[in-house]
Amino acid sequence: MQNLTLAERLKSQQQFIKLNRPVVAGRLVRVVGLTLEATGCSAAIGQTCEVETAGGLLQAEVVGFAQDRIFLMPKDDVTGVVPGARVTPLVDYKGVPLSMALLGRVIDGAGKPLDGGGPVLAMEYSQGKKTPINPLQRKPIRQPLDVGVRAINSIITVGKGQRMGLFAGSGVGKSVLLGMMTRGTAADVIVVGLVGERGREVKEFIDEILGEEGRKRSVVVAAPADVSPLMRLKGCETAVQIAEYFRDQGLDVLLLLDSITRYAQAQREIALAVGEPPATKGYPPSVFAKLPALVERAGNGAEGQGSITAFYTVLSEGDDLQDPIADASRAILDGHIVLSRHLADSGHFPAIDIEKSISRVMPAVTSPEHQALARVIKQMYASYSQSKDLIAIGAYVRGSDPMLDSAMQLMPKINKFLQQGMTDVIPYDDSLTALAQLIPAGRGF
C-alpha cells in the first residue's frame, strides 16, 4: 500500500468496503418537492439507491446528508412513494457503458438506450469523473478545426481541442448552427448532449440535422426538459464521459452540449432542494464550482491521446450577456460566438455577430496573413455598425473616415460572405480563399 497513489488507495478502500460492509437498508421519512429523505441506511454522496414504490423500484442518487438523514434525488418521476418505503443502497451499480458500440446510438443521462436498439455492449463502465489530466501533459492547440461554417472558419477560427461558448437568447439559431457544424466538422467522432431542451428537437436533430451518414459517427445523449433535474445534470456529465472515452482511444472528438445553462439550472434545483443557500441571482455557490469542473474535462489529451473540441451553448436570458451563467462561462472558455437577435430578425443566417465574438486560440492556429485579413473585416464591420444610424439619416460625409468609406463600399459583400445556407458545408480552405478575395489587393489600415 505504501507505493500506491492516493487514487489507487481510495479505489482499494472502496472495493474493500463493498466486499465487507453489509448493505443496510433504510426507510423513507420525508418527501419535499423532488427531494427524498431517508434514515437508517449508510450511503455515500453520489451512490445510487433503490426506493420501493407502489409501482415498482425507483432509482435515486444521494446528493447530500444531515446528521443521520440522507437526501436523495430521484432519476424518474416521484409517483407511488409511500411513507416508510424501503431504501436500499446499490453496491454493484455499473454506471454508463463505454465502447465503440455507442456510435449511432441514442441514450439517456444514465446510459440507457432510447432508440430501441437493445442494450449497449460495454467494454468498460464509467461511474464518475475521471482524474483530471495534468495541465503540463496536455498537448498544445496547434491545428485549426474545419467546422464547415465560413464565418467561423475565417473570422473566428477554432483550434482542435478548443472549448467555445455559443451565446444567444432563445430562438436565435443555436441548435441549427450546432447542426451545421455537426455535418461540416472534420472530427472522427461527434458526441451531442441535448439537455433541458424541447423533446421535439431530439428526433428532429437526429433525423433532419444528423442524417443517416452523420449518425454513424455520432452518439446522442438526450435529457429533455421534462426529465428530473438529476437526469439533466447526468446528461451533460454522461456526454463528457463518453467524449473522454473516445479521446482516450486516440480519436478527435467534437462535443456539442446544448445547453450548459440547463446544466447550471439543474444543479441549482438540486442544491436549493437540499438546503444550499442562494448566492448570485438565485444560483448557489456549487453551480459556479461545477461549471469549470465540467468544462476543464474537454480539450487536448496527453501524448498518445486524441482531442475534445467542445461547443457549449449558453442561453442568455433576455439576451443579457451579463447573466451570471453567461458571465461565468465566458470567463472559463477559450472563446465565444455571440448570435445576434437583430441579425436573426433581419434574415441574416447564421446570425453570428463577429464584432462581439472572439477565438482566443486563433493566433496559435492561423498564419499572420489570415489574422490580418480577419482583423480588417472585423474593423470594417465594427466601424459600419457604430456609424449605421449616421449613414441612414445622411449625416455622414464621405471622406471623413477612410475605414468607414471602405466599409460602406464592401458591406454588401461582407454580409453575403458571412451568410450561409443551413445545409451548405464550406471547407476551411475555401473559406480562406473567399476571405482573401473579399479584401482588394494592397488595401490596409
Protein backbone atom coordinates (compact mmCIF):
# COMPACT_ATOMS: atom_id res chain seq x y z
CA MET A 1 0.00 0.00 0.00
CA GLN A 2 2.99 2.35 0.53
CA ASN A 3 3.72 2.72 -3.22
CA LEU A 4 0.11 3.24 -4.29
CA THR A 5 -1.15 6.64 -5.39
CA LEU A 6 -3.95 8.35 -3.50
CA ALA A 7 -6.47 7.42 -6.21
CA GLU A 8 -5.38 3.77 -6.14
CA ARG A 9 -5.64 3.68 -2.35
CA LEU A 10 -9.12 5.19 -2.44
CA LYS A 11 -10.25 2.68 -5.07
CA SER A 12 -8.83 -0.19 -3.00
CA GLN A 13 -10.64 1.07 0.11
CA GLN A 14 -13.92 1.42 -1.79
CA GLN A 15 -13.62 -2.16 -3.08
CA PHE A 16 -12.90 -3.37 0.46
CA ILE A 17 -15.97 -1.54 1.75
CA LYS A 18 -18.17 -3.03 -0.99
CA LEU A 19 -16.96 -6.54 -0.22
CA ASN A 20 -17.04 -6.34 3.56
CA ARG A 21 -19.71 -3.83 4.55
CA PRO A 22 -23.21 -5.28 4.69
CA VAL A 23 -25.91 -3.45 2.80
CA VAL A 24 -28.08 -1.67 5.36
CA ALA A 25 -31.48 -0.63 4.09
CA GLY A 26 -33.20 2.44 5.46
CA ARG A 27 -36.67 3.94 5.45
CA LEU A 28 -38.14 6.91 3.68
CA VAL A 29 -39.26 9.52 6.18
CA ARG A 30 -39.97 12.63 4.14
CA VAL A 31 -40.60 13.92 0.61
CA VAL A 32 -40.10 17.65 -0.01
CA GLY A 33 -40.62 18.73 -3.59
CA LEU A 34 -38.34 16.48 -5.63
CA THR A 35 -36.13 15.53 -2.69
CA LEU A 36 -36.45 12.29 -0.72
CA GLU A 37 -35.17 12.00 2.85
CA ALA A 38 -34.27 8.64 4.37
CA THR A 39 -32.84 7.40 7.65
CA GLY A 40 -31.20 4.17 8.73
CA CYS A 41 -29.08 3.49 5.62
CA SER A 42 -25.41 4.26 5.07
CA ALA A 43 -24.72 5.55 1.56
CA ALA A 44 -22.07 7.85 0.15
CA ILE A 45 -22.75 11.01 -1.87
CA GLY A 46 -23.14 10.02 -5.50
CA GLN A 47 -24.21 6.46 -4.67
CA THR A 48 -27.37 5.08 -6.27
CA CYS A 49 -30.18 3.70 -4.12
CA GLU A 50 -33.42 1.88 -4.88
CA VAL A 51 -36.66 3.10 -3.34
CA GLU A 52 -39.68 0.79 -3.17
CA THR A 53 -42.84 2.35 -4.55
CA ALA A 54 -46.35 1.16 -5.32
CA GLY A 55 -45.38 0.87 -8.99
CA GLY A 56 -42.03 -0.88 -8.51
CA LEU A 57 -38.47 0.23 -7.77
CA LEU A 58 -37.37 3.84 -8.18
CA GLN A 59 -33.67 4.71 -8.53
CA ALA A 60 -32.37 7.79 -6.75
CA GLU A 61 -28.94 9.25 -6.12
CA VAL A 62 -27.56 10.53 -2.82
CA VAL A 63 -26.94 14.28 -3.16
CA GLY A 64 -26.39 15.24 0.49
CA PHE A 65 -26.93 14.36 4.13
CA ALA A 66 -27.59 15.99 7.50
CA GLN A 67 -26.71 14.02 10.63
CA ASP A 68 -28.47 10.65 10.23
CA ARG A 69 -30.59 11.66 7.24
CA ILE A 70 -29.60 11.31 3.61
CA PHE A 71 -31.08 13.37 0.79
CA LEU A 72 -31.85 11.60 -2.46
CA MET A 73 -32.75 13.00 -5.87
CA PRO A 74 -34.86 10.57 -7.96
CA LYS A 75 -33.96 9.77 -11.56
CA ASP A 76 -37.62 9.46 -12.55
CA ASP A 77 -40.97 10.92 -11.50
CA VAL A 78 -41.87 10.53 -7.83
CA THR A 79 -45.08 8.53 -8.09
CA GLY A 80 -46.38 5.80 -5.81
CA VAL A 81 -43.96 6.68 -2.98
CA VAL A 82 -45.35 5.92 0.50
CA PRO A 83 -44.11 6.83 3.98
CA GLY A 84 -41.64 4.32 5.40
CA ALA A 85 -40.72 2.92 1.97
CA ARG A 86 -37.60 0.75 1.96
CA VAL A 87 -34.42 2.46 0.66
CA THR A 88 -31.59 0.11 -0.37
CA PRO A 89 -28.10 1.32 -1.41
CA LEU A 90 -26.73 -0.38 -4.54
CA VAL A 91 -23.13 -1.53 -4.30
CA ASP A 92 -22.97 -3.14 -7.74
CA TYR A 93 -24.33 -0.26 -9.83
CA LYS A 94 -22.27 -0.34 -13.03
CA GLY A 95 -22.77 3.16 -14.42
CA VAL A 96 -22.54 4.37 -18.02
CA PRO A 97 -21.48 1.74 -20.61
CA LEU A 98 -18.49 2.77 -22.72
CA SER A 99 -17.43 1.17 -26.01
CA MET A 100 -17.23 1.83 -29.74
CA ALA A 101 -20.72 0.29 -29.91
CA LEU A 102 -22.08 3.64 -28.70
CA LEU A 103 -21.63 5.08 -32.19
CA GLY A 104 -25.01 5.56 -33.83
CA ARG A 105 -26.90 5.18 -30.54
CA VAL A 106 -29.22 7.49 -28.59
CA ILE A 107 -29.09 7.14 -24.81
CA ASP A 108 -30.38 8.97 -21.75
CA GLY A 109 -28.37 10.57 -18.96
CA ALA A 110 -27.93 7.23 -17.17
CA GLY A 111 -26.65 5.47 -20.29
CA LYS A 112 -29.90 3.59 -21.05
CA PRO A 113 -30.85 3.25 -24.75
CA LEU A 114 -33.69 5.40 -26.07
CA ASP A 115 -33.56 4.20 -29.69
CA GLY A 116 -34.96 0.70 -29.19
CA GLY A 117 -31.69 -0.87 -30.30
CA GLY A 118 -31.19 -3.02 -27.21
CA PRO A 119 -28.51 -2.75 -24.51
CA VAL A 120 -25.20 -1.11 -25.38
CA LEU A 121 -22.30 -3.57 -25.48
CA ALA A 122 -19.86 -2.24 -22.89
CA MET A 123 -16.09 -2.68 -22.82
CA GLU A 124 -15.97 -0.78 -19.53
CA TYR A 125 -18.19 1.32 -17.29
CA SER A 126 -17.76 4.84 -16.03
CA GLN A 127 -19.43 5.88 -12.80
CA GLY A 128 -17.98 9.32 -12.25
CA LYS A 129 -15.44 11.95 -13.05
CA LYS A 130 -12.06 10.83 -14.32
CA THR A 131 -8.79 12.00 -12.81
CA PRO A 132 -8.01 15.38 -14.44
CA ILE A 133 -5.18 15.45 -16.96
CA ASN A 134 -2.03 17.14 -15.70
CA PRO A 135 -2.10 20.58 -17.41
CA LEU A 136 1.61 20.23 -18.23
CA GLN A 137 0.92 16.97 -20.07
CA ARG A 138 -1.82 18.33 -22.32
CA LYS A 139 -0.83 18.76 -25.96
CA PRO A 140 -0.91 22.43 -27.05
CA ILE A 141 -3.54 23.60 -29.53
CA ARG A 142 -1.73 24.00 -32.85
CA GLN A 143 -4.15 22.84 -35.58
CA PRO A 144 -7.30 24.57 -36.87
CA LEU A 145 -10.54 22.58 -36.92
CA ASP A 146 -12.72 22.78 -40.01
CA VAL A 147 -16.35 23.19 -38.88
CA GLY A 148 -17.83 23.80 -42.33
CA VAL A 149 -19.14 27.29 -41.44
CA ARG A 150 -17.41 30.06 -43.41
CA ALA A 151 -17.84 32.83 -40.82
CA ILE A 152 -16.27 30.67 -38.10
CA ASN A 153 -13.51 29.14 -40.26
CA SER A 154 -12.33 32.54 -41.47
CA ILE A 155 -13.07 35.15 -38.78
CA ILE A 156 -13.36 33.14 -35.53
CA THR A 157 -11.10 30.20 -36.33
CA VAL A 158 -11.42 27.28 -33.90
CA GLY A 159 -8.47 25.10 -32.91
CA LYS A 160 -8.54 21.35 -32.40
CA GLY A 161 -9.01 20.89 -28.65
CA GLN A 162 -10.56 24.32 -28.03
CA ARG A 163 -13.61 24.97 -25.85
CA MET A 164 -16.03 27.53 -27.26
CA GLY A 165 -19.25 29.04 -25.99
CA LEU A 166 -22.24 29.74 -28.23
CA PHE A 167 -24.10 32.65 -26.61
CA ALA A 168 -27.62 33.61 -27.62
CA GLY A 169 -31.16 34.13 -26.44
CA SER A 170 -33.95 31.70 -27.20
CA GLY A 171 -34.94 31.12 -30.82
CA VAL A 172 -31.91 32.75 -32.45
CA GLY A 173 -30.50 29.63 -34.10
CA LYS A 174 -28.11 27.94 -31.66
CA SER A 175 -29.29 24.40 -32.35
CA VAL A 176 -29.32 24.89 -36.12
CA LEU A 177 -25.75 26.24 -36.04
CA LEU A 178 -24.70 23.20 -33.98
CA GLY A 179 -26.26 21.00 -36.65
CA MET A 180 -24.31 22.80 -39.38
CA MET A 181 -21.07 22.16 -37.52
CA THR A 182 -22.06 18.54 -36.98
CA ARG A 183 -22.32 17.97 -40.73
CA GLY A 184 -19.25 20.01 -41.64
CA THR A 185 -16.70 19.07 -38.99
CA ALA A 186 -13.60 17.04 -39.70
CA ALA A 187 -13.68 15.26 -36.31
CA ASP A 188 -13.65 11.45 -36.04
CA VAL A 189 -16.50 11.19 -33.50
CA ILE A 190 -19.33 13.55 -32.59
CA VAL A 191 -20.93 13.47 -29.13
CA VAL A 192 -24.11 15.50 -28.80
CA GLY A 193 -25.74 16.33 -25.48
CA LEU A 194 -29.30 17.64 -25.81
CA VAL A 195 -30.05 18.66 -22.25
CA GLY A 196 -33.06 20.55 -20.93
CA GLU A 197 -34.40 21.46 -24.36
CA ARG A 198 -37.70 20.64 -26.06
CA GLY A 199 -38.28 16.92 -26.55
CA ARG A 200 -39.44 17.59 -30.11
CA GLU A 201 -35.95 18.77 -31.02
CA VAL A 202 -34.33 15.42 -30.19
CA LYS A 203 -35.88 13.48 -33.06
CA GLU A 204 -35.60 16.46 -35.40
CA PHE A 205 -31.90 16.79 -34.65
CA ILE A 206 -31.27 13.09 -35.26
CA ASP A 207 -33.37 12.71 -38.42
CA GLU A 208 -33.01 16.08 -40.13
CA ILE A 209 -29.71 17.53 -38.92
CA LEU A 210 -27.52 14.48 -38.26
CA GLY A 211 -28.97 12.36 -41.02
CA GLU A 212 -28.01 8.78 -41.90
CA GLU A 213 -24.31 9.43 -42.51
CA GLY A 214 -23.80 11.79 -39.58
CA ARG A 215 -25.44 9.41 -37.13
CA LYS A 216 -22.98 6.62 -37.92
CA ARG A 217 -20.15 8.53 -36.23
CA SER A 218 -22.24 10.20 -33.53
CA VAL A 219 -23.51 9.49 -30.03
CA VAL A 220 -26.57 11.42 -28.83
CA VAL A 221 -27.30 11.85 -25.12
CA ALA A 222 -30.84 13.14 -24.63
CA ALA A 223 -32.25 14.53 -21.38
CA PRO A 224 -35.15 16.82 -22.39
CA ALA A 225 -36.83 19.41 -20.21
CA ASP A 226 -39.47 17.06 -18.79
CA VAL A 227 -37.00 14.74 -17.00
CA SER A 228 -35.80 15.19 -13.43
CA PRO A 229 -33.05 17.74 -12.66
CA LEU A 230 -30.74 14.85 -11.73
CA MET A 231 -31.09 13.32 -15.20
CA ARG A 232 -30.47 16.71 -16.82
CA LEU A 233 -27.34 17.04 -14.71
CA LYS A 234 -26.28 13.50 -15.62
CA GLY A 235 -27.00 14.17 -19.28
CA CYS A 236 -24.15 16.68 -19.55
CA GLU A 237 -21.79 14.60 -17.42
CA THR A 238 -22.53 11.41 -19.40
CA ALA A 239 -21.83 13.21 -22.70
CA VAL A 240 -18.47 14.37 -21.34
CA GLN A 241 -17.62 10.87 -20.04
CA ILE A 242 -18.32 9.38 -23.48
CA ALA A 243 -16.22 12.07 -25.17
CA GLU A 244 -13.35 11.33 -22.76
CA TYR A 245 -13.55 7.63 -23.59
CA PHE A 246 -13.19 8.26 -27.33
CA ARG A 247 -10.38 10.75 -26.70
CA ASP A 248 -8.54 8.07 -24.73
CA GLN A 249 -8.77 5.84 -27.82
CA GLY A 250 -6.73 8.42 -29.75
CA LEU A 251 -9.70 9.91 -31.66
CA ASP A 252 -10.55 13.55 -32.32
CA VAL A 253 -13.97 14.27 -30.78
CA LEU A 254 -16.41 17.11 -31.39
CA LEU A 255 -18.51 17.61 -28.24
CA LEU A 256 -21.71 19.65 -28.59
CA LEU A 257 -23.60 20.44 -25.37
CA ASP A 258 -26.95 22.16 -25.71
CA SER A 259 -27.07 23.70 -23.22
CA ILE A 260 -24.73 24.37 -20.31
CA THR A 261 -27.29 26.82 -18.92
CA ARG A 262 -29.75 23.94 -18.34
CA TYR A 263 -26.93 22.08 -16.58
CA ALA A 264 -26.48 25.03 -14.21
CA GLN A 265 -30.23 25.32 -13.65
CA ALA A 266 -30.48 21.60 -12.84
CA GLN A 267 -27.70 21.92 -10.28
CA ARG A 268 -29.46 24.97 -8.82
CA GLU A 269 -32.68 22.96 -8.37
CA ILE A 270 -30.81 20.15 -6.64
CA ALA A 271 -28.71 22.42 -4.43
CA LEU A 272 -31.63 24.55 -3.28
CA ALA A 273 -33.68 21.41 -2.58
CA VAL A 274 -31.07 20.11 -0.12
CA GLY A 275 -30.74 23.45 1.64
CA GLU A 276 -27.79 25.20 -0.01
CA PRO A 277 -28.26 28.98 0.23
CA PRO A 278 -28.56 31.03 -2.98
CA ALA A 279 -25.74 33.43 -3.79
CA THR A 280 -25.80 35.20 -7.17
CA LYS A 281 -29.28 35.84 -8.59
CA GLY A 282 -30.60 32.65 -7.03
CA TYR A 283 -27.67 30.43 -8.04
CA PRO A 284 -25.91 28.68 -5.12
CA PRO A 285 -22.08 28.54 -4.98
CA SER A 286 -21.93 24.88 -6.05
CA VAL A 287 -23.13 25.88 -9.54
CA PHE A 288 -20.07 28.04 -10.11
CA ALA A 289 -17.83 25.27 -8.80
CA LYS A 290 -19.34 22.64 -11.13
CA LEU A 291 -19.13 24.72 -14.33
CA PRO A 292 -15.31 24.86 -14.58
CA ALA A 293 -15.06 21.25 -13.39
CA LEU A 294 -17.23 20.21 -16.36
CA VAL A 295 -15.57 22.46 -18.96
CA GLU A 296 -11.98 21.61 -18.00
CA ARG A 297 -12.53 17.94 -18.85
CA ALA A 298 -12.62 18.81 -22.56
CA GLY A 299 -9.58 19.83 -24.60
CA ASN A 300 -6.49 18.06 -25.85
CA GLY A 301 -5.31 14.90 -24.13
CA ALA A 302 -1.79 13.81 -23.27
CA GLU A 303 0.62 12.30 -25.80
CA GLY A 304 -0.96 9.29 -27.50
CA GLN A 305 -4.48 10.53 -26.82
CA GLY A 306 -6.87 12.42 -29.08
CA SER A 307 -8.69 15.67 -28.51
CA ILE A 308 -12.11 17.02 -27.49
CA THR A 309 -13.16 20.20 -29.25
CA ALA A 310 -16.22 21.40 -27.36
CA PHE A 311 -19.04 23.82 -28.16
CA TYR A 312 -21.30 24.74 -25.24
CA THR A 313 -24.47 26.69 -25.91
CA VAL A 314 -25.21 29.33 -23.29
CA LEU A 315 -28.76 30.65 -23.08
CA SER A 316 -28.61 34.37 -22.36
CA GLU A 317 -31.93 35.04 -20.67
CA GLY A 318 -33.47 38.15 -22.21
CA ASP A 319 -30.38 38.42 -24.49
CA ASP A 320 -28.44 39.58 -21.43
CA LEU A 321 -24.76 38.67 -21.81
CA GLN A 322 -24.21 39.71 -18.16
CA ASP A 323 -26.39 36.86 -16.92
CA PRO A 324 -24.46 35.05 -14.11
CA ILE A 325 -24.10 31.80 -16.06
CA ALA A 326 -23.15 33.59 -19.29
CA ASP A 327 -20.60 35.70 -17.45
CA ALA A 328 -19.08 32.72 -15.61
CA SER A 329 -18.97 30.61 -18.79
CA ARG A 330 -17.29 33.34 -20.80
CA ALA A 331 -14.50 33.52 -18.21
CA ILE A 332 -13.64 29.80 -18.30
CA LEU A 333 -13.99 29.12 -22.03
CA ASP A 334 -11.42 29.61 -24.79
CA GLY A 335 -13.63 31.97 -26.76
CA HIS A 336 -17.24 32.77 -27.52
CA ILE A 337 -19.52 33.10 -30.54
CA VAL A 338 -22.38 35.54 -29.99
CA LEU A 339 -25.58 35.19 -32.00
CA SER A 340 -27.49 38.43 -32.55
CA ARG A 341 -31.28 38.58 -32.40
CA HIS A 342 -31.17 41.69 -34.57
CA LEU A 343 -29.31 39.80 -37.32
CA ALA A 344 -31.66 36.82 -36.99
CA ASP A 345 -34.72 39.07 -37.28
CA SER A 346 -33.27 40.65 -40.44
CA GLY A 347 -32.81 37.24 -42.13
CA HIS A 348 -29.03 37.13 -41.69
CA PHE A 349 -28.13 33.48 -41.09
CA PRO A 350 -26.15 32.25 -39.28
CA ALA A 351 -26.72 35.26 -37.05
CA ILE A 352 -23.10 35.48 -35.85
CA ASP A 353 -22.09 38.89 -34.52
CA ILE A 354 -18.38 38.88 -35.45
CA GLU A 355 -17.87 42.17 -33.60
CA LYS A 356 -18.67 40.57 -30.22
CA SER A 357 -17.23 37.10 -30.97
CA ILE A 358 -13.65 36.00 -30.42
CA SER A 359 -11.48 32.88 -30.52
CA ARG A 360 -8.65 33.07 -28.01
CA VAL A 361 -6.54 30.41 -29.72
CA MET A 362 -6.88 31.81 -33.26
CA PRO A 363 -3.38 33.39 -33.20
CA ALA A 364 -1.89 29.95 -32.43
CA VAL A 365 -3.59 28.09 -35.30
CA THR A 366 -3.60 30.64 -38.14
CA SER A 367 -1.00 32.47 -40.21
CA PRO A 368 -0.23 36.21 -39.75
CA GLU A 369 -1.78 36.91 -43.18
CA HIS A 370 -5.01 35.17 -42.17
CA GLN A 371 -5.14 37.11 -38.90
CA ALA A 372 -4.58 40.42 -40.70
CA LEU A 373 -7.43 39.78 -43.14
CA ALA A 374 -9.81 38.74 -40.34
CA ARG A 375 -8.84 41.82 -38.34
CA VAL A 376 -9.61 44.17 -41.25
CA ILE A 377 -13.04 42.57 -41.75
CA LYS A 378 -13.87 42.94 -38.05
CA GLN A 379 -12.71 46.57 -38.08
CA MET A 380 -14.88 47.37 -41.09
CA TYR A 381 -17.85 45.57 -39.59
CA ALA A 382 -17.47 47.41 -36.27
CA SER A 383 -16.94 50.79 -37.94
CA TYR A 384 -20.08 50.40 -40.05
CA SER A 385 -22.17 49.14 -37.08
CA GLN A 386 -21.19 52.10 -34.91
CA SER A 387 -21.99 54.65 -37.63
CA LYS A 388 -25.03 52.94 -39.15
CA ASP A 389 -27.50 55.48 -37.78
CA LEU A 390 -25.47 58.44 -39.09
CA ILE A 391 -25.31 56.84 -42.53
CA ALA A 392 -29.04 56.11 -42.54
CA ILE A 393 -30.00 59.78 -41.93
CA GLY A 394 -27.34 61.11 -44.32
CA ALA A 395 -25.29 62.82 -41.60
CA TYR A 396 -22.01 61.17 -42.55
CA VAL A 397 -19.84 62.94 -45.14
CA ARG A 398 -17.73 60.62 -47.28
CA GLY A 399 -14.01 61.17 -46.92
CA SER A 400 -14.13 61.84 -43.18
CA ASP A 401 -13.06 58.28 -42.25
CA PRO A 402 -11.20 56.06 -44.78
CA MET A 403 -12.11 52.92 -42.85
CA LEU A 404 -15.81 53.76 -42.83
CA ASP A 405 -15.70 54.69 -46.52
CA SER A 406 -14.28 51.25 -47.36
CA ALA A 407 -16.79 49.58 -45.03
CA MET A 408 -19.72 51.29 -46.75
CA GLN A 409 -18.44 50.08 -50.11
CA LEU A 410 -17.77 46.50 -49.01
CA MET A 411 -20.59 45.86 -46.51
CA PRO A 412 -22.90 44.16 -49.04
CA LYS A 413 -20.09 41.73 -49.93
CA ILE A 414 -19.16 41.23 -46.25
CA ASN A 415 -22.76 40.43 -45.30
CA LYS A 416 -23.03 37.96 -48.18
CA PHE A 417 -19.72 36.40 -47.11
CA LEU A 418 -20.92 35.95 -43.51
CA GLN A 419 -24.19 34.30 -44.54
CA GLN A 420 -24.57 30.63 -45.42
CA GLY A 421 -27.36 28.18 -46.15
CA MET A 422 -28.38 25.78 -43.40
CA THR A 423 -27.42 22.74 -45.47
CA ASP A 424 -24.26 24.20 -47.02
CA VAL A 425 -20.84 22.91 -45.96
CA ILE A 426 -17.95 25.26 -46.82
CA PRO A 427 -14.47 23.71 -46.22
CA TYR A 428 -11.72 25.57 -44.37
CA ASP A 429 -9.54 26.18 -47.43
CA ASP A 430 -12.48 27.52 -49.43
CA SER A 431 -13.33 29.86 -46.55
CA LEU A 432 -9.80 31.32 -46.55
CA THR A 433 -9.86 31.74 -50.34
CA ALA A 434 -13.15 33.64 -50.14
CA LEU A 435 -11.75 35.78 -47.30
CA ALA A 436 -8.68 36.74 -49.36
CA GLN A 437 -10.88 37.68 -52.33
CA LEU A 438 -13.06 39.90 -50.15
CA ILE A 439 -10.34 42.49 -49.46
CA PRO A 440 -8.98 44.36 -52.51
CA ALA A 441 -5.25 43.78 -53.08
CA GLY A 442 -2.99 46.30 -51.39
CA ARG A 443 -5.66 47.69 -49.07
CA GLY A 444 -4.58 48.04 -45.46
CA PHE A 445 -5.35 50.20 -42.44
